[in-house]
Amino acid sequence: MARPFFTLRLKLTLLYLSVFGVLLGGLSAVLMTMREQFIVGDFDQRLVDRATSMVDAITVAEEKAPGELGAMAGIKGLIPFRFPGYYFQLVAADGKIIERSENLGELYLPWTKAAQEAQNAGEAKLETIRGELAECLIGQGAELRLLTLYHAPTANRQPFFLQIAVSLASMRQSIAQLRGLFLGVIPSGLLVAGLASWFLARRALAPIGRIAREARELTAAHLDRRLAL
């Protein structure tokens, strides 16, 4: 007589594997989400740090040479390629472009509604830019992370907006590598769990199997035999 495919051992193995799979999948999803949020937050923080450094440099330049021309002279020496891969733009409070980085060429960073809200927000505004501008600067399908920081007026300086943009390619690559790592770990974990569950089920069912074998041997010719406790 053929043995049934869905034996008790197989059912226990599938049960163990299902429970472990749910736990592993849930834990992996939580860890991956937290890690992705950290990567995005760290990327944005570095962009904020760049903006802060720029504003500090503008302030120093203004203190050395008060007036708009003095500040612009300091900006021209600072903006172009101080941070490779970053694009800069200095905008007056009335929307006039004061200075921008040379790597922008003939292009300008977008003056969006979110950028205009930086003044009221009192902090840097971050947004993702897609489309023609990003593709012209970087390439097909590119994305830019744009930061706009408002600098309030001082005794020697009119208010201005500082905009910094950088490609999101490095951040996207880090997230893709992270997801690839988790997608590789989960199947491996399930494989190990499946093998462990199979052997655990075998060990757990061993006494039952022994009793079943002994029971099958209790025929009329062996009535004197007893099942071992």
C-alpha atoms as a PDB file:
ATOM      1  CA  MET A   1       0.000   0.000   0.000  1.00  0.00           C
ATOM      2  CA  ALA A   2       1.418   3.366  -1.059  1.00  0.00           C
ATOM      3  CA  ARG A   3       2.086   5.816   1.709  1.00  0.00           C
ATOM      4  CA  PRO A   4       0.128   9.100   1.531  1.00  0.00           C
ATOM      5  CA  PHE A   5       2.069  12.116   0.309  1.00  0.00           C
ATOM      6  CA  PHE A   6       0.820  14.491   3.019  1.00  0.00           C
ATOM      7  CA  THR A   7       2.154  12.589   5.980  1.00  0.00           C
ATOM      8  CA  LEU A   8       2.029  13.913   9.506  1.00  0.00           C
ATOM      9  CA  ARG A   9       5.760  14.621   9.268  1.00  0.00           C
ATOM     10  CA  LEU A  10       5.278  16.735   6.146  1.00  0.00           C
ATOM     11  CA  LYS A  11       2.335  18.578   7.694  1.00  0.00           C
ATOM     12  CA  LEU A  12       4.359  19.419  10.811  1.00  0.00           C
ATOM     13  CA  THR A  13       7.265  20.578   8.654  1.00  0.00           C
ATOM     14  CA  LEU A  14       4.978  22.855   6.640  1.00  0.00           C
ATOM     15  CA  LEU A  15       3.453  24.193   9.835  1.00  0.00           C
ATOM     16  CA  TYR A  16       6.843  24.987  11.364  1.00  0.00           C
ATOM     17  CA  LEU A  17       8.026  26.514   8.087  1.00  0.00           C
ATOM     18  CA  SER A  18       4.900  28.652   7.762  1.00  0.00           C
ATOM     19  CA  VAL A  19       5.241  30.056  11.271  1.00  0.00           C
ATOM     20  CA  PHE A  20       8.939  30.753  10.799  1.00  0.00           C
ATOM     21  CA  GLY A  21       8.307  32.258   7.350  1.00  0.00           C
ATOM     22  CA  VAL A  22       5.745  34.694   8.726  1.00  0.00           C
ATOM     23  CA  LEU A  23       8.071  35.719  11.558  1.00  0.00           C
ATOM     24  CA  LEU A  24      11.090  36.048   9.260  1.00  0.00           C
ATOM     25  CA  GLY A  25       9.127  37.968   6.627  1.00  0.00           C
ATOM     26  CA  GLY A  26       7.628  40.354   9.160  1.00  0.00           C
ATOM     27  CA  LEU A  27      10.942  40.980  10.893  1.00  0.00           C
ATOM     28  CA  SER A  28      12.729  41.482   7.567  1.00  0.00           C
ATOM     29  CA  ALA A  29      10.077  43.953   6.403  1.00  0.00           C
ATOM     30  CA  VAL A  30      10.391  45.980   9.610  1.00  0.00           C
ATOM     31  CA  LEU A  31      14.201  45.990   9.529  1.00  0.00           C
ATOM     32  CA  MET A  32      14.301  46.844   5.829  1.00  0.00           C
ATOM     33  CA  THR A  33      11.821  49.698   6.263  1.00  0.00           C
ATOM     34  CA  MET A  34      13.783  51.110   9.189  1.00  0.00           C
ATOM     35  CA  ARG A  35      17.052  50.817   7.284  1.00  0.00           C
ATOM     36  CA  GLU A  36      15.592  52.494   4.190  1.00  0.00           C
ATOM     37  CA  GLN A  37      14.293  55.353   6.321  1.00  0.00           C
ATOM     38  CA  PHE A  38      17.765  55.720   7.828  1.00  0.00           C
ATOM     39  CA  ILE A  39      19.378  55.830   4.369  1.00  0.00           C
ATOM     40  CA  VAL A  40      16.920  58.482   3.166  1.00  0.00           C
ATOM     41  CA  GLY A  41      17.296  60.493   6.370  1.00  0.00           C
ATOM     42  CA  ASP A  42      21.082  60.326   6.241  1.00  0.00           C
ATOM     43  CA  PHE A  43      21.060  61.408   2.579  1.00  0.00           C
ATOM     44  CA  ASP A  44      18.837  64.395   3.347  1.00  0.00           C
ATOM     45  CA  GLN A  45      20.899  65.324   6.407  1.00  0.00           C
ATOM     46  CA  ARG A  46      24.080  65.436   4.350  1.00  0.00           C
ATOM     47  CA  LEU A  47      22.291  67.730   1.918  1.00  0.00           C
ATOM     48  CA  VAL A  48      21.249  69.983   4.809  1.00  0.00           C
ATOM     49  CA  ASP A  49      24.858  69.992   6.041  1.00  0.00           C
ATOM     50  CA  ARG A  50      26.024  71.122   2.594  1.00  0.00           C
ATOM     51  CA  ALA A  51      23.502  73.955   2.649  1.00  0.00           C
ATOM     52  CA  THR A  52      24.566  75.001   6.140  1.00  0.00           C
ATOM     53  CA  SER A  53      28.205  75.047   5.068  1.00  0.00           C
ATOM     54  CA  MET A  54      27.299  77.191   2.071  1.00  0.00           C
ATOM     55  CA  VAL A  55      25.374  79.697   4.186  1.00  0.00           C
ATOM     56  CA  ASP A  56      28.248  79.884   6.662  1.00  0.00           C
ATOM     57  CA  ALA A  57      30.672  80.573   3.816  1.00  0.00           C
ATOM     58  CA  ILE A  58      28.388  83.287   2.430  1.00  0.00           C
ATOM     59  CA  THR A  59      28.213  84.883   5.875  1.00  0.00           C
ATOM     60  CA  VAL A  60      32.011  84.851   6.202  1.00  0.00           C
ATOM     61  CA  ALA A  61      32.375  86.343   2.728  1.00  0.00           C
ATOM     62  CA  GLU A  62      29.886  89.067   3.616  1.00  0.00           C
ATOM     63  CA  GLU A  63      31.713  89.936   6.817  1.00  0.00           C
ATOM     64  CA  LYS A  64      34.974  90.294   4.908  1.00  0.00           C
ATOM     65  CA  ALA A  65      33.459  92.400   2.127  1.00  0.00           C
ATOM     66  CA  PRO A  66      30.107  93.901   3.141  1.00  0.00           C
ATOM     67  CA  GLY A  67      27.593  94.505   0.390  1.00  0.00           C
ATOM     68  CA  GLU A  68      26.099  92.471  -2.402  1.00  0.00           C
ATOM     69  CA  LEU A  69      29.177  92.503  -4.646  1.00  0.00           C
ATOM     70  CA  GLY A  70      31.410  91.293  -1.847  1.00  0.00           C
ATOM     71  CA  ALA A  71      29.099  88.422  -1.059  1.00  0.00           C
ATOM     72  CA  MET A  72      28.827  87.465  -4.721  1.00  0.00           C
ATOM     73  CA  ALA A  73      32.612  87.449  -5.051  1.00  0.00           C
ATOM     74  CA  GLY A  74      32.760  84.962  -2.189  1.00  0.00           C
ATOM     75  CA  ILE A  75      30.017  82.861  -3.771  1.00  0.00           C
ATOM     76  CA  LYS A  76      31.732  82.703  -7.152  1.00  0.00           C
ATOM     77  CA  GLY A  77      34.768  81.131  -5.568  1.00  0.00           C
ATOM     78  CA  LEU A  78      32.712  78.704  -3.566  1.00  0.00           C
ATOM     79  CA  ILE A  79      29.807  77.434  -5.613  1.00  0.00           C
ATOM     80  CA  PRO A  80      31.060  75.765  -8.796  1.00  0.00           C
ATOM     81  CA  PHE A  81      32.708  72.494  -7.725  1.00  0.00           C
ATOM     82  CA  ARG A  82      33.276  72.608  -3.993  1.00  0.00           C
ATOM     83  CA  PHE A  83      31.037  69.548  -3.649  1.00  0.00           C
ATOM     84  CA  PRO A  84      31.309  67.472  -6.873  1.00  0.00           C
ATOM     85  CA  GLY A  85      27.943  66.342  -8.180  1.00  0.00           C
ATOM     86  CA  TYR A  86      26.032  69.090  -6.376  1.00  0.00           C
ATOM     87  CA  TYR A  87      24.212  71.919  -8.123  1.00  0.00           C
ATOM     88  CA  PHE A  88      23.797  75.306  -6.423  1.00  0.00           C
ATOM     89  CA  GLN A  89      21.664  78.361  -6.969  1.00  0.00           C
ATOM     90  CA  LEU A  90      21.366  81.568  -4.977  1.00  0.00           C
ATOM     91  CA  VAL A  91      18.024  83.362  -5.320  1.00  0.00           C
ATOM     92  CA  ALA A  92      17.096  86.811  -4.021  1.00  0.00           C
ATOM     93  CA  ALA A  93      13.920  87.322  -2.019  1.00  0.00           C
ATOM     94  CA  ASP A  94      12.186  88.715  -5.131  1.00  0.00           C
ATOM     95  CA  GLY A  95      13.026  85.577  -7.140  1.00  0.00           C
ATOM     96  CA  LYS A  96      15.988  87.026  -9.044  1.00  0.00           C
ATOM     97  CA  ILE A  97      18.909  84.655  -9.616  1.00  0.00           C
ATOM     98  CA  ILE A  98      22.001  86.083  -7.901  1.00  0.00           C
ATOM     99  CA  GLU A  99      24.448  83.294  -8.651  1.00  0.00           C
ATOM    100  CA  ARG A 100      24.477  79.640  -9.652  1.00  0.00           C
ATOM    101  CA  SER A 101      27.009  76.865 -10.105  1.00  0.00           C
ATOM    102  CA  GLU A 102      28.825  76.471 -13.398  1.00  0.00           C
ATOM    103  CA  ASN A 103      27.841  72.814 -13.730  1.00  0.00           C
ATOM    104  CA  LEU A 104      24.236  73.926 -14.297  1.00  0.00           C
ATOM    105  CA  GLY A 105      25.249  75.298 -17.666  1.00  0.00           C
ATOM    106  CA  GLU A 106      22.310  77.179 -19.155  1.00  0.00           C
ATOM    107  CA  LEU A 107      19.807  75.502 -16.837  1.00  0.00           C
ATOM    108  CA  TYR A 108      18.237  76.750 -13.622  1.00  0.00           C
ATOM    109  CA  LEU A 109      16.994  74.881 -10.587  1.00  0.00           C
ATOM    110  CA  PRO A 110      13.186  75.010 -10.407  1.00  0.00           C
ATOM    111  CA  TRP A 111      11.530  77.651  -8.252  1.00  0.00           C
ATOM    112  CA  THR A 112       8.623  75.555  -6.976  1.00  0.00           C
ATOM    113  CA  LYS A 113       5.835  76.250  -4.538  1.00  0.00           C
ATOM    114  CA  ALA A 114       7.612  74.133  -1.930  1.00  0.00           C
ATOM    115  CA  ALA A 115      10.737  76.256  -2.401  1.00  0.00           C
ATOM    116  CA  GLN A 116       8.748  79.433  -1.817  1.00  0.00           C
ATOM    117  CA  GLU A 117       7.385  77.957   1.408  1.00  0.00           C
ATOM    118  CA  ALA A 118      10.907  77.644   2.836  1.00  0.00           C
ATOM    119  CA  GLN A 119      10.662  81.200   4.166  1.00  0.00           C
ATOM    120  CA  ASN A 120       7.566  80.465   6.252  1.00  0.00           C
ATOM    121  CA  ALA A 121       8.726  76.987   7.228  1.00  0.00           C
ATOM    122  CA  GLY A 122      11.799  78.312   9.025  1.00  0.00           C
ATOM    123  CA  GLU A 123      13.748  75.244   7.937  1.00  0.00           C
ATOM    124  CA  ALA A 124      15.055  73.582   4.804  1.00  0.00           C
ATOM    125  CA  LYS A 125      12.444  72.295   2.356  1.00  0.00           C
ATOM    126  CA  LEU A 126      13.245  69.062   0.549  1.00  0.00           C
ATOM    127  CA  GLU A 127      11.586  67.742  -2.592  1.00  0.00           C
ATOM    128  CA  THR A 128      12.306  65.279  -5.411  1.00  0.00           C
ATOM    129  CA  ILE A 129      12.589  66.640  -8.944  1.00  0.00           C
ATOM    130  CA  ARG A 130      11.967  64.455 -12.003  1.00  0.00           C
ATOM    131  CA  GLY A 131      11.538  65.168 -15.664  1.00  0.00           C
ATOM    132  CA  GLU A 132      13.386  67.211 -18.251  1.00  0.00           C
ATOM    133  CA  LEU A 133      15.680  69.150 -15.915  1.00  0.00           C
ATOM    134  CA  ALA A 134      16.964  66.074 -14.085  1.00  0.00           C
ATOM    135  CA  GLU A 135      17.440  64.187 -17.348  1.00  0.00           C
ATOM    136  CA  CYS A 136      19.316  67.082 -18.956  1.00  0.00           C
ATOM    137  CA  LEU A 137      21.699  67.343 -16.020  1.00  0.00           C
ATOM    138  CA  ILE A 138      22.261  63.662 -15.281  1.00  0.00           C
ATOM    139  CA  GLY A 139      20.604  61.361 -17.804  1.00  0.00           C
ATOM    140  CA  GLN A 140      17.523  59.392 -18.730  1.00  0.00           C
ATOM    141  CA  GLY A 141      15.271  58.522 -15.788  1.00  0.00           C
ATOM    142  CA  ALA A 142      17.331  60.590 -13.350  1.00  0.00           C
ATOM    143  CA  GLU A 143      15.989  62.131 -10.154  1.00  0.00           C
ATOM    144  CA  LEU A 144      17.223  65.127  -8.194  1.00  0.00           C
ATOM    145  CA  ARG A 145      16.842  65.847  -4.502  1.00  0.00           C
ATOM    146  CA  LEU A 146      16.317  69.587  -4.208  1.00  0.00           C
ATOM    147  CA  LEU A 147      16.821  71.532  -0.989  1.00  0.00           C
ATOM    148  CA  THR A 148      15.763  75.141  -0.524  1.00  0.00           C
ATOM    149  CA  LEU A 149      16.979  77.047   2.535  1.00  0.00           C
ATOM    150  CA  TYR A 150      15.904  80.584   3.397  1.00  0.00           C
ATOM    151  CA  HIS A 151      18.425  82.921   5.005  1.00  0.00           C
ATOM    152  CA  ALA A 152      16.825  85.764   6.932  1.00  0.00           C
ATOM    153  CA  PRO A 153      18.089  89.327   6.441  1.00  0.00           C
ATOM    154  CA  THR A 154      20.942  90.607   8.608  1.00  0.00           C
ATOM    155  CA  ALA A 155      22.526  94.002   9.146  1.00  0.00           C
ATOM    156  CA  ASN A 156      24.828  93.512   6.150  1.00  0.00           C
ATOM    157  CA  ARG A 157      22.824  91.166   3.958  1.00  0.00           C
ATOM    158  CA  GLN A 158      19.469  91.091   2.228  1.00  0.00           C
ATOM    159  CA  PRO A 159      17.438  87.876   2.590  1.00  0.00           C
ATOM    160  CA  PHE A 160      18.089  85.134   0.047  1.00  0.00           C
ATOM    161  CA  PHE A 161      17.259  81.530  -0.776  1.00  0.00           C
ATOM    162  CA  LEU A 162      19.944  78.913  -1.241  1.00  0.00           C
ATOM    163  CA  GLN A 163      19.025  75.927  -3.422  1.00  0.00           C
ATOM    164  CA  ILE A 164      21.105  72.765  -3.647  1.00  0.00           C
ATOM    165  CA  ALA A 165      20.331  69.749  -5.820  1.00  0.00           C
ATOM    166  CA  VAL A 166      22.026  66.372  -6.095  1.00  0.00           C
ATOM    167  CA  SER A 167      21.292  63.136  -7.916  1.00  0.00           C
ATOM    168  CA  LEU A 168      19.378  60.454  -6.044  1.00  0.00           C
ATOM    169  CA  ALA A 169      21.268  57.685  -7.863  1.00  0.00           C
ATOM    170  CA  SER A 170      23.557  56.836  -4.929  1.00  0.00           C
ATOM    171  CA  MET A 171      20.640  56.654  -2.500  1.00  0.00           C
ATOM    172  CA  ARG A 172      18.583  54.503  -4.895  1.00  0.00           C
ATOM    173  CA  GLN A 173      21.569  52.206  -5.345  1.00  0.00           C
ATOM    174  CA  SER A 174      22.011  51.803  -1.588  1.00  0.00           C
ATOM    175  CA  ILE A 175      18.337  50.935  -1.168  1.00  0.00           C
ATOM    176  CA  ALA A 176      18.492  48.474  -4.081  1.00  0.00           C
ATOM    177  CA  GLN A 177      21.515  46.746  -2.535  1.00  0.00           C
ATOM    178  CA  LEU A 178      19.713  46.579   0.800  1.00  0.00           C
ATOM    179  CA  ARG A 179      16.643  44.998  -0.773  1.00  0.00           C
ATOM    180  CA  GLY A 180      18.803  42.567  -2.696  1.00  0.00           C
ATOM    181  CA  LEU A 181      20.475  41.531   0.538  1.00  0.00           C
ATOM    182  CA  PHE A 182      17.166  40.873   2.261  1.00  0.00           C
ATOM    183  CA  LEU A 183      15.772  39.052  -0.770  1.00  0.00           C
ATOM    184  CA  GLY A 184      18.810  36.802  -0.623  1.00  0.00           C
ATOM    185  CA  VAL A 185      18.659  36.220   3.116  1.00  0.00           C
ATOM    186  CA  ILE A 186      14.945  35.321   3.268  1.00  0.00           C
ATOM    187  CA  PRO A 187      15.065  32.314   0.860  1.00  0.00           C
ATOM    188  CA  SER A 188      18.253  31.063   2.517  1.00  0.00           C
ATOM    189  CA  GLY A 189      16.630  31.382   5.934  1.00  0.00           C
ATOM    190  CA  LEU A 190      13.534  29.530   4.748  1.00  0.00           C
ATOM    191  CA  LEU A 191      15.673  26.741   3.279  1.00  0.00           C
ATOM    192  CA  VAL A 192      17.556  26.261   6.546  1.00  0.00           C
ATOM    193  CA  ALA A 193      14.302  26.457   8.496  1.00  0.00           C
ATOM    194  CA  GLY A 194      12.691  23.895   6.212  1.00  0.00           C
ATOM    195  CA  LEU A 195      15.514  21.380   6.704  1.00  0.00           C
ATOM    196  CA  ALA A 196      15.555  21.979  10.456  1.00  0.00           C
ATOM    197  CA  SER A 197      11.773  21.585  10.631  1.00  0.00           C
ATOM    198  CA  TRP A 198      11.953  18.317   8.680  1.00  0.00           C
ATOM    199  CA  PHE A 199      14.459  16.790  11.110  1.00  0.00           C
ATOM    200  CA  LEU A 200      12.646  18.176  14.157  1.00  0.00           C
ATOM    201  CA  ALA A 201       9.390  16.659  12.948  1.00  0.00           C
ATOM    202  CA  ARG A 202      11.165  13.370  12.357  1.00  0.00           C
ATOM    203  CA  ARG A 203      12.557  13.385  15.870  1.00  0.00           C
ATOM    204  CA  ALA A 204       9.230  14.383  17.411  1.00  0.00           C
ATOM    205  CA  LEU A 205       7.360  11.619  15.570  1.00  0.00           C
ATOM    206  CA  ALA A 206       9.983   8.900  16.149  1.00  0.00           C
ATOM    207  CA  PRO A 207       8.207   7.420  19.239  1.00  0.00           C
ATOM    208  CA  ILE A 208       4.905   7.299  17.347  1.00  0.00           C
ATOM    209  CA  GLY A 209       6.596   5.571  14.423  1.00  0.00           C
ATOM    210  CA  ARG A 210       8.153   3.001  16.745  1.00  0.00           C
ATOM    211  CA  ILE A 211       4.810   2.239  18.367  1.00  0.00           C
ATOM    212  CA  ALA A 212       3.161   1.921  14.956  1.00  0.00           C
ATOM    213  CA  ARG A 213       5.801  -0.555  13.783  1.00  0.00           C
ATOM    214  CA  GLU A 214       5.478  -2.632  16.930  1.00  0.00           C
ATOM    215  CA  ALA A 215       1.680  -2.590  16.646  1.00  0.00           C
ATOM    216  CA  ARG A 216       1.854  -3.886  13.073  1.00  0.00           C
ATOM    217  CA  GLU A 217       3.998  -6.814  14.315  1.00  0.00           C
ATOM    218  CA  LEU A 218       1.390  -7.826  16.914  1.00  0.00           C
ATOM    219  CA  THR A 219      -0.202 -10.620  14.937  1.00  0.00           C
ATOM    220  CA  ALA A 220      -1.848 -13.809  16.134  1.00  0.00           C
ATOM    221  CA  ALA A 221       1.568 -15.467  16.171  1.00  0.00           C
ATOM    222  CA  HIS A 222       2.971 -12.908  18.596  1.00  0.00           C
ATOM    223  CA  LEU A 223       0.249 -12.421  21.161  1.00  0.00           C
ATOM    224  CA  ASP A 224       2.794 -12.605  23.973  1.00  0.00           C
ATOM    225  CA  ARG A 225       4.446  -9.365  22.915  1.00  0.00           C
ATOM    226  CA  ARG A 226       3.669  -6.077  24.641  1.00  0.00           C
ATOM    227  CA  LEU A 227       4.243  -2.485  23.569  1.00  0.00           C
ATOM    228  CA  ALA A 228       7.174  -0.913  25.402  1.00  0.00           C
ATOM    229  CA  LEU A 229       6.264   2.009  27.641  1.00  0.00           C
END
